[in-house]
Amino acid sequence: INYRLIHEYGANCRFVPRNYFKACWITSDNEEQLNSFKRAKSNYIAEDKDGHLVFLAETTFLLNMAEQDYPDLVFHKTSEFMLDTKK
């Protein structure tokens, strides 16, 4: 992959191995709590190809704690929730 990125696209990259338990899409009607979560977990937040927020949980415990600490956030285990938003 690294070879193709460099030679076909001229893009340098660096691979860093990471261990994640689960990736969950995050939604919320509570913007304040969502922004607080994003600040607190910035090293574990990514965006998918469509720009949706994804939380990269390293362990079951950390996912459970995030769900407990941020009750107004919805942690979607699959991307199927997006089908409802496209109607």
PDB file of N, CA and C in Angstrom:
ATOM      1  N   ILE A   1       0.835  -1.182   0.000  1.00  0.00           N
ATOM      2  CA  ILE A   1       0.000   0.000   0.000  1.00  0.00           C
ATOM      3  C   ILE A   1       0.879   1.245   0.000  1.00  0.00           C
ATOM      4  N   ASN A   2       1.906   1.256   0.827  1.00  0.00           N
ATOM      5  CA  ASN A   2       2.793   2.409   0.903  1.00  0.00           C
ATOM      6  C   ASN A   2       3.410   2.702  -0.464  1.00  0.00           C
ATOM      7  N   TYR A   3       3.866   1.671  -1.155  1.00  0.00           N
ATOM      8  CA  TYR A   3       4.472   1.834  -2.477  1.00  0.00           C
ATOM      9  C   TYR A   3       3.492   2.485  -3.441  1.00  0.00           C
ATOM     10  N   ARG A   4       2.275   1.992  -3.481  1.00  0.00           N
ATOM     11  CA  ARG A   4       1.269   2.549  -4.394  1.00  0.00           C
ATOM     12  C   ARG A   4       0.935   3.994  -4.052  1.00  0.00           C
ATOM     13  N   LEU A   5       0.807   4.295  -2.767  1.00  0.00           N
ATOM     14  CA  LEU A   5       0.506   5.676  -2.383  1.00  0.00           C
ATOM     15  C   LEU A   5       1.599   6.631  -2.851  1.00  0.00           C
ATOM     16  N   ILE A   6       2.832   6.225  -2.689  1.00  0.00           N
ATOM     17  CA  ILE A   6       3.946   7.087  -3.095  1.00  0.00           C
ATOM     18  C   ILE A   6       4.043   7.188  -4.609  1.00  0.00           C
ATOM     19  N   HIS A   7       4.031   6.054  -5.314  1.00  0.00           N
ATOM     20  CA  HIS A   7       4.299   6.050  -6.748  1.00  0.00           C
ATOM     21  C   HIS A   7       3.092   6.378  -7.619  1.00  0.00           C
ATOM     22  N   GLU A   8       1.907   6.075  -7.186  1.00  0.00           N
ATOM     23  CA  GLU A   8       0.727   6.362  -7.998  1.00  0.00           C
ATOM     24  C   GLU A   8       0.079   7.696  -7.656  1.00  0.00           C
ATOM     25  N   TYR A   9       0.189   8.094  -6.392  1.00  0.00           N
ATOM     26  CA  TYR A   9      -0.506   9.308  -5.953  1.00  0.00           C
ATOM     27  C   TYR A   9       0.436  10.390  -5.434  1.00  0.00           C
ATOM     28  N   GLY A  10       1.712  10.058  -5.278  1.00  0.00           N
ATOM     29  CA  GLY A  10       2.657  11.025  -4.744  1.00  0.00           C
ATOM     30  C   GLY A  10       2.383  11.382  -3.296  1.00  0.00           C
ATOM     31  N   ALA A  11       1.747  10.467  -2.584  1.00  0.00           N
ATOM     32  CA  ALA A  11       1.366  10.733  -1.192  1.00  0.00           C
ATOM     33  C   ALA A  11       2.237   9.908  -0.252  1.00  0.00           C
ATOM     34  N   ASN A  12       2.961  10.582   0.607  1.00  0.00           N
ATOM     35  CA  ASN A  12       3.726   9.889   1.637  1.00  0.00           C
ATOM     36  C   ASN A  12       2.795   9.505   2.772  1.00  0.00           C
ATOM     37  N   CYS A  13       3.099   8.416   3.413  1.00  0.00           N
ATOM     38  CA  CYS A  13       2.271   8.000   4.543  1.00  0.00           C
ATOM     39  C   CYS A  13       3.144   7.337   5.598  1.00  0.00           C
ATOM     40  N   ARG A  14       2.571   7.242   6.764  1.00  0.00           N
ATOM     41  CA  ARG A  14       3.237   6.579   7.882  1.00  0.00           C
ATOM     42  C   ARG A  14       2.198   5.688   8.538  1.00  0.00           C
ATOM     43  N   PHE A  15       2.493   4.422   8.658  1.00  0.00           N
ATOM     44  CA  PHE A  15       1.573   3.483   9.284  1.00  0.00           C
ATOM     45  C   PHE A  15       1.925   3.331  10.757  1.00  0.00           C
ATOM     46  N   VAL A  16       0.930   3.486  11.593  1.00  0.00           N
ATOM     47  CA  VAL A  16       1.105   3.337  13.030  1.00  0.00           C
ATOM     48  C   VAL A  16       0.109   2.285  13.495  1.00  0.00           C
ATOM     49  N   PRO A  17       0.598   1.155  13.985  1.00  0.00           N
ATOM     50  CA  PRO A  17      -0.340   0.122  14.436  1.00  0.00           C
ATOM     51  C   PRO A  17      -1.137   0.588  15.651  1.00  0.00           C
ATOM     52  N   ARG A  18      -2.419   0.333  15.614  1.00  0.00           N
ATOM     53  CA  ARG A  18      -3.316   0.701  16.719  1.00  0.00           C
ATOM     54  C   ARG A  18      -4.236  -0.477  16.997  1.00  0.00           C
ATOM     55  N   ASN A  19      -4.617  -0.631  18.227  1.00  0.00           N
ATOM     56  CA  ASN A  19      -5.556  -1.676  18.613  1.00  0.00           C
ATOM     57  C   ASN A  19      -6.856  -1.029  19.053  1.00  0.00           C
ATOM     58  N   TYR A  20      -7.931  -1.377  18.382  1.00  0.00           N
ATOM     59  CA  TYR A  20      -9.243  -0.862  18.743  1.00  0.00           C
ATOM     60  C   TYR A  20     -10.203  -2.021  18.938  1.00  0.00           C
ATOM     61  N   PHE A  21     -11.065  -1.875  19.915  1.00  0.00           N
ATOM     62  CA  PHE A  21     -12.099  -2.868  20.175  1.00  0.00           C
ATOM     63  C   PHE A  21     -13.252  -2.689  19.198  1.00  0.00           C
ATOM     64  N   LYS A  22     -13.692  -1.441  19.028  1.00  0.00           N
ATOM     65  CA  LYS A  22     -14.861  -1.195  18.192  1.00  0.00           C
ATOM     66  C   LYS A  22     -14.872   0.252  17.731  1.00  0.00           C
ATOM     67  N   ALA A  23     -15.381   0.453  16.524  1.00  0.00           N
ATOM     68  CA  ALA A  23     -15.624   1.796  15.994  1.00  0.00           C
ATOM     69  C   ALA A  23     -17.127   2.030  16.020  1.00  0.00           C
ATOM     70  N   CYS A  24     -17.546   3.162  16.578  1.00  0.00           N
ATOM     71  CA  CYS A  24     -18.970   3.502  16.680  1.00  0.00           C
ATOM     72  C   CYS A  24     -19.202   4.885  16.094  1.00  0.00           C
ATOM     73  N   TRP A  25     -20.219   4.996  15.256  1.00  0.00           N
ATOM     74  CA  TRP A  25     -20.622   6.312  14.770  1.00  0.00           C
ATOM     75  C   TRP A  25     -21.329   7.030  15.903  1.00  0.00           C
ATOM     76  N   ILE A  26     -21.127   8.337  15.981  1.00  0.00           N
ATOM     77  CA  ILE A  26     -21.677   9.125  17.082  1.00  0.00           C
ATOM     78  C   ILE A  26     -22.650  10.160  16.536  1.00  0.00           C
ATOM     79  N   THR A  27     -23.832  10.218  17.140  1.00  0.00           N
ATOM     80  CA  THR A  27     -24.778  11.288  16.841  1.00  0.00           C
ATOM     81  C   THR A  27     -25.362  11.798  18.150  1.00  0.00           C
ATOM     82  N   SER A  28     -25.881  13.022  18.094  1.00  0.00           N
ATOM     83  CA  SER A  28     -26.525  13.594  19.275  1.00  0.00           C
ATOM     84  C   SER A  28     -27.268  14.861  18.892  1.00  0.00           C
ATOM     85  N   ASP A  29     -28.376  15.096  19.575  1.00  0.00           N
ATOM     86  CA  ASP A  29     -29.081  16.369  19.448  1.00  0.00           C
ATOM     87  C   ASP A  29     -28.514  17.395  20.423  1.00  0.00           C
ATOM     88  N   ASN A  30     -27.671  16.945  21.346  1.00  0.00           N
ATOM     89  CA  ASN A  30     -27.075  17.813  22.357  1.00  0.00           C
ATOM     90  C   ASN A  30     -25.688  18.246  21.870  1.00  0.00           C
ATOM     91  N   GLU A  31     -25.633  19.376  21.183  1.00  0.00           N
ATOM     92  CA  GLU A  31     -24.371  19.862  20.610  1.00  0.00           C
ATOM     93  C   GLU A  31     -23.314  20.132  21.680  1.00  0.00           C
ATOM     94  N   GLU A  32     -23.739  20.641  22.831  1.00  0.00           N
ATOM     95  CA  GLU A  32     -22.791  20.945  23.904  1.00  0.00           C
ATOM     96  C   GLU A  32     -22.104  19.672  24.393  1.00  0.00           C
ATOM     97  N   GLN A  33     -22.879  18.613  24.610  1.00  0.00           N
ATOM     98  CA  GLN A  33     -22.294  17.359  25.080  1.00  0.00           C
ATOM     99  C   GLN A  33     -21.445  16.715  23.981  1.00  0.00           C
ATOM    100  N   LEU A  34     -21.886  16.819  22.742  1.00  0.00           N
ATOM    101  CA  LEU A  34     -21.111  16.275  21.625  1.00  0.00           C
ATOM    102  C   LEU A  34     -19.764  16.990  21.513  1.00  0.00           C
ATOM    103  N   ASN A  35     -19.766  18.303  21.613  1.00  0.00           N
ATOM    104  CA  ASN A  35     -18.511  19.056  21.543  1.00  0.00           C
ATOM    105  C   ASN A  35     -17.601  18.739  22.723  1.00  0.00           C
ATOM    106  N   SER A  36     -18.173  18.560  23.899  1.00  0.00           N
ATOM    107  CA  SER A  36     -17.390  18.176  25.072  1.00  0.00           C
ATOM    108  C   SER A  36     -16.734  16.813  24.853  1.00  0.00           C
ATOM    109  N   PHE A  37     -17.495  15.872  24.314  1.00  0.00           N
ATOM    110  CA  PHE A  37     -16.967  14.538  24.024  1.00  0.00           C
ATOM    111  C   PHE A  37     -15.837  14.622  22.999  1.00  0.00           C
ATOM    112  N   LYS A  38     -16.039  15.403  21.956  1.00  0.00           N
ATOM    113  CA  LYS A  38     -15.018  15.544  20.914  1.00  0.00           C
ATOM    114  C   LYS A  38     -13.727  16.126  21.481  1.00  0.00           C
ATOM    115  N   ARG A  39     -13.837  17.082  22.383  1.00  0.00           N
ATOM    116  CA  ARG A  39     -12.636  17.653  23.009  1.00  0.00           C
ATOM    117  C   ARG A  39     -11.944  16.620  23.904  1.00  0.00           C
ATOM    118  N   ALA A  40     -12.723  15.923  24.708  1.00  0.00           N
ATOM    119  CA  ALA A  40     -12.155  14.963  25.665  1.00  0.00           C
ATOM    120  C   ALA A  40     -11.549  13.743  24.979  1.00  0.00           C
ATOM    121  N   LYS A  41     -12.119  13.347  23.866  1.00  0.00           N
ATOM    122  CA  LYS A  41     -11.696  12.113  23.194  1.00  0.00           C
ATOM    123  C   LYS A  41     -11.080  12.383  21.823  1.00  0.00           C
ATOM    124  N   SER A  42     -10.486  13.545  21.632  1.00  0.00           N
ATOM    125  CA  SER A  42     -10.006  13.946  20.305  1.00  0.00           C
ATOM    126  C   SER A  42      -9.037  12.941  19.677  1.00  0.00           C
ATOM    127  N   ASN A  43      -8.263  12.242  20.495  1.00  0.00           N
ATOM    128  CA  ASN A  43      -7.327  11.249  19.952  1.00  0.00           C
ATOM    129  C   ASN A  43      -8.026   9.976  19.489  1.00  0.00           C
ATOM    130  N   TYR A  44      -9.304   9.856  19.796  1.00  0.00           N
ATOM    131  CA  TYR A  44     -10.053   8.648  19.460  1.00  0.00           C
ATOM    132  C   TYR A  44     -11.246   8.946  18.558  1.00  0.00           C
ATOM    133  N   ILE A  45     -11.238  10.119  17.940  1.00  0.00           N
ATOM    134  CA  ILE A  45     -12.317  10.523  17.048  1.00  0.00           C
ATOM    135  C   ILE A  45     -11.775  10.590  15.629  1.00  0.00           C
ATOM    136  N   ALA A  46     -12.538  10.040  14.712  1.00  0.00           N
ATOM    137  CA  ALA A  46     -12.190  10.098  13.293  1.00  0.00           C
ATOM    138  C   ALA A  46     -13.451  10.456  12.520  1.00  0.00           C
ATOM    139  N   GLU A  47     -13.294  10.646  11.228  1.00  0.00           N
ATOM    140  CA  GLU A  47     -14.437  10.852  10.346  1.00  0.00           C
ATOM    141  C   GLU A  47     -14.424   9.761   9.295  1.00  0.00           C
ATOM    142  N   ASP A  48     -15.609   9.267   8.944  1.00  0.00           N
ATOM    143  CA  ASP A  48     -15.680   8.295   7.861  1.00  0.00           C
ATOM    144  C   ASP A  48     -15.646   9.036   6.526  1.00  0.00           C
ATOM    145  N   LYS A  49     -15.769   8.314   5.432  1.00  0.00           N
ATOM    146  CA  LYS A  49     -15.647   8.925   4.108  1.00  0.00           C
ATOM    147  C   LYS A  49     -16.736   9.943   3.819  1.00  0.00           C
ATOM    148  N   ASP A  50     -17.833   9.899   4.559  1.00  0.00           N
ATOM    149  CA  ASP A  50     -18.932  10.842   4.369  1.00  0.00           C
ATOM    150  C   ASP A  50     -18.909  11.979   5.387  1.00  0.00           C
ATOM    151  N   GLY A  51     -17.879  12.008   6.239  1.00  0.00           N
ATOM    152  CA  GLY A  51     -17.754  13.075   7.217  1.00  0.00           C
ATOM    153  C   GLY A  51     -18.473  12.836   8.528  1.00  0.00           C
ATOM    154  N   HIS A  52     -18.994  11.628   8.743  1.00  0.00           N
ATOM    155  CA  HIS A  52     -19.663  11.306  10.005  1.00  0.00           C
ATOM    156  C   HIS A  52     -18.622  10.998  11.079  1.00  0.00           C
ATOM    157  N   LEU A  53     -18.906  11.426  12.305  1.00  0.00           N
ATOM    158  CA  LEU A  53     -17.984  11.190  13.414  1.00  0.00           C
ATOM    159  C   LEU A  53     -17.973   9.725  13.832  1.00  0.00           C
ATOM    160  N   VAL A  54     -16.777   9.229  14.110  1.00  0.00           N
ATOM    161  CA  VAL A  54     -16.598   7.844  14.537  1.00  0.00           C
ATOM    162  C   VAL A  54     -15.718   7.843  15.786  1.00  0.00           C
ATOM    163  N   PHE A  55     -16.179   7.152  16.820  1.00  0.00           N
ATOM    164  CA  PHE A  55     -15.404   6.979  18.049  1.00  0.00           C
ATOM    165  C   PHE A  55     -14.687   5.646  17.971  1.00  0.00           C
ATOM    166  N   LEU A  56     -13.371   5.665  18.158  1.00  0.00           N
ATOM    167  CA  LEU A  56     -12.548   4.457  18.104  1.00  0.00           C
ATOM    168  C   LEU A  56     -12.240   4.025  19.536  1.00  0.00           C
ATOM    169  N   ALA A  57     -13.019   3.095  20.029  1.00  0.00           N
ATOM    170  CA  ALA A  57     -12.881   2.638  21.415  1.00  0.00           C
ATOM    171  C   ALA A  57     -11.840   1.529  21.498  1.00  0.00           C
ATOM    172  N   GLU A  58     -10.906   1.685  22.413  1.00  0.00           N
ATOM    173  CA  GLU A  58      -9.843   0.693  22.560  1.00  0.00           C
ATOM    174  C   GLU A  58     -10.282  -0.554  23.311  1.00  0.00           C
ATOM    175  N   THR A  59     -11.247  -0.414  24.221  1.00  0.00           N
ATOM    176  CA  THR A  59     -11.704  -1.557  25.013  1.00  0.00           C
ATOM    177  C   THR A  59     -13.209  -1.463  25.246  1.00  0.00           C
ATOM    178  N   THR A  60     -13.785  -2.568  25.651  1.00  0.00           N
ATOM    179  CA  THR A  60     -15.200  -2.580  26.028  1.00  0.00           C
ATOM    180  C   THR A  60     -15.438  -1.623  27.185  1.00  0.00           C
ATOM    181  N   PHE A  61     -14.545  -1.625  28.144  1.00  0.00           N
ATOM    182  CA  PHE A  61     -14.682  -0.757  29.309  1.00  0.00           C
ATOM    183  C   PHE A  61     -14.741   0.712  28.903  1.00  0.00           C
ATOM    184  N   LEU A  62     -13.831   1.142  28.017  1.00  0.00           N
ATOM    185  CA  LEU A  62     -13.809   2.546  27.603  1.00  0.00           C
ATOM    186  C   LEU A  62     -15.059   2.923  26.813  1.00  0.00           C
ATOM    187  N   LEU A  63     -15.579   2.008  26.027  1.00  0.00           N
ATOM    188  CA  LEU A  63     -16.831   2.274  25.315  1.00  0.00           C
ATOM    189  C   LEU A  63     -17.979   2.405  26.307  1.00  0.00           C
ATOM    190  N   ASN A  64     -18.052   1.485  27.256  1.00  0.00           N
ATOM    191  CA  ASN A  64     -19.111   1.551  28.271  1.00  0.00           C
ATOM    192  C   ASN A  64     -19.026   2.834  29.093  1.00  0.00           C
ATOM    193  N   MET A  65     -17.826   3.251  29.444  1.00  0.00           N
ATOM    194  CA  MET A  65     -17.655   4.489  30.212  1.00  0.00           C
ATOM    195  C   MET A  65     -18.082   5.703  29.389  1.00  0.00           C
ATOM    196  N   ALA A  66     -17.752   5.716  28.119  1.00  0.00           N
ATOM    197  CA  ALA A  66     -18.156   6.833  27.257  1.00  0.00           C
ATOM    198  C   ALA A  66     -19.674   6.902  27.167  1.00  0.00           C
ATOM    199  N   GLU A  67     -20.316   5.752  27.009  1.00  0.00           N
ATOM    200  CA  GLU A  67     -21.779   5.727  26.945  1.00  0.00           C
ATOM    201  C   GLU A  67     -22.394   6.197  28.264  1.00  0.00           C
ATOM    202  N   GLN A  68     -21.767   5.848  29.370  1.00  0.00           N
ATOM    203  CA  GLN A  68     -22.263   6.258  30.689  1.00  0.00           C
ATOM    204  C   GLN A  68     -22.018   7.748  30.939  1.00  0.00           C
ATOM    205  N   ASP A  69     -20.834   8.227  30.583  1.00  0.00           N
ATOM    206  CA  ASP A  69     -20.465   9.617  30.857  1.00  0.00           C
ATOM    207  C   ASP A  69     -21.141  10.620  29.927  1.00  0.00           C
ATOM    208  N   TYR A  70     -21.580  10.157  28.759  1.00  0.00           N
ATOM    209  CA  TYR A  70     -22.207  11.040  27.774  1.00  0.00           C
ATOM    210  C   TYR A  70     -23.559  10.450  27.364  1.00  0.00           C
ATOM    211  N   PRO A  71     -24.542  10.526  28.254  1.00  0.00           N
ATOM    212  CA  PRO A  71     -25.828   9.857  28.013  1.00  0.00           C
ATOM    213  C   PRO A  71     -26.634  10.426  26.843  1.00  0.00           C
ATOM    214  N   ASP A  72     -26.342  11.650  26.416  1.00  0.00           N
ATOM    215  CA  ASP A  72     -27.084  12.231  25.298  1.00  0.00           C
ATOM    216  C   ASP A  72     -26.488  11.882  23.940  1.00  0.00           C
ATOM    217  N   LEU A  73     -25.384  11.149  23.937  1.00  0.00           N
ATOM    218  CA  LEU A  73     -24.792  10.703  22.684  1.00  0.00           C
ATOM    219  C   LEU A  73     -25.305   9.308  22.353  1.00  0.00           C
ATOM    220  N   VAL A  74     -25.484   9.067  21.072  1.00  0.00           N
ATOM    221  CA  VAL A  74     -25.876   7.736  20.609  1.00  0.00           C
ATOM    222  C   VAL A  74     -24.653   7.126  19.936  1.00  0.00           C
ATOM    223  N   PHE A  75     -24.251   5.951  20.397  1.00  0.00           N
ATOM    224  CA  PHE A  75     -23.105   5.235  19.847  1.00  0.00           C
ATOM    225  C   PHE A  75     -23.642   4.125  18.946  1.00  0.00           C
ATOM    226  N   HIS A  76     -23.664   4.384  17.652  1.00  0.00           N
ATOM    227  CA  HIS A  76     -24.205   3.431  16.681  1.00  0.00           C
ATOM    228  C   HIS A  76     -23.142   2.381  16.368  1.00  0.00           C
ATOM    229  N   LYS A  77     -23.520   1.125  16.493  1.00  0.00           N
ATOM    230  CA  LYS A  77     -22.568   0.035  16.262  1.00  0.00           C
ATOM    231  C   LYS A  77     -22.418  -0.305  14.780  1.00  0.00           C
ATOM    232  N   THR A  78     -23.372   0.134  13.956  1.00  0.00           N
ATOM    233  CA  THR A  78     -23.280  -0.056  12.505  1.00  0.00           C
ATOM    234  C   THR A  78     -23.630   1.261  11.828  1.00  0.00           C
ATOM    235  N   SER A  79     -23.318   1.363  10.555  1.00  0.00           N
ATOM    236  CA  SER A  79     -23.614   2.594   9.819  1.00  0.00           C
ATOM    237  C   SER A  79     -25.039   2.614   9.277  1.00  0.00           C
ATOM    238  N   GLU A  80     -25.831   1.609   9.591  1.00  0.00           N
ATOM    239  CA  GLU A  80     -27.201   1.553   9.072  1.00  0.00           C
ATOM    240  C   GLU A  80     -28.061   2.705   9.574  1.00  0.00           C
ATOM    241  N   PHE A  81     -27.680   3.337  10.683  1.00  0.00           N
ATOM    242  CA  PHE A  81     -28.449   4.476  11.185  1.00  0.00           C
ATOM    243  C   PHE A  81     -28.506   5.590  10.148  1.00  0.00           C
ATOM    244  N   MET A  82     -27.512   5.660   9.261  1.00  0.00           N
ATOM    245  CA  MET A  82     -27.466   6.718   8.256  1.00  0.00           C
ATOM    246  C   MET A  82     -28.572   6.577   7.226  1.00  0.00           C
ATOM    247  N   LEU A  83     -29.101   5.384   7.046  1.00  0.00           N
ATOM    248  CA  LEU A  83     -30.179   5.185   6.081  1.00  0.00           C
ATOM    249  C   LEU A  83     -31.402   5.999   6.466  1.00  0.00           C
ATOM    250  N   ASP A  84     -31.669   6.132   7.765  1.00  0.00           N
ATOM    251  CA  ASP A  84     -32.807   6.917   8.236  1.00  0.00           C
ATOM    252  C   ASP A  84     -32.615   8.402   7.986  1.00  0.00           C
ATOM    253  N   THR A  85     -31.371   8.878   7.983  1.00  0.00           N
ATOM    254  CA  THR A  85     -31.118  10.304   7.806  1.00  0.00           C
ATOM    255  C   THR A  85     -31.158  10.717   6.347  1.00  0.00           C
ATOM    256  N   LYS A  86     -31.131   9.755   5.425  1.00  0.00           N
ATOM    257  CA  LYS A  86     -31.110  10.070   3.992  1.00  0.00           C
ATOM    258  C   LYS A  86     -32.504  10.123   3.384  1.00  0.00           C
ATOM    259  N   LYS A  87     -33.535   9.815   4.165  1.00  0.00           N
ATOM    260  CA  LYS A  87     -34.901   9.813   3.642  1.00  0.00           C
ATOM    261  C   LYS A  87     -35.405  11.219   3.436  1.00  0.00           C
TER     262      LYS A  87
END
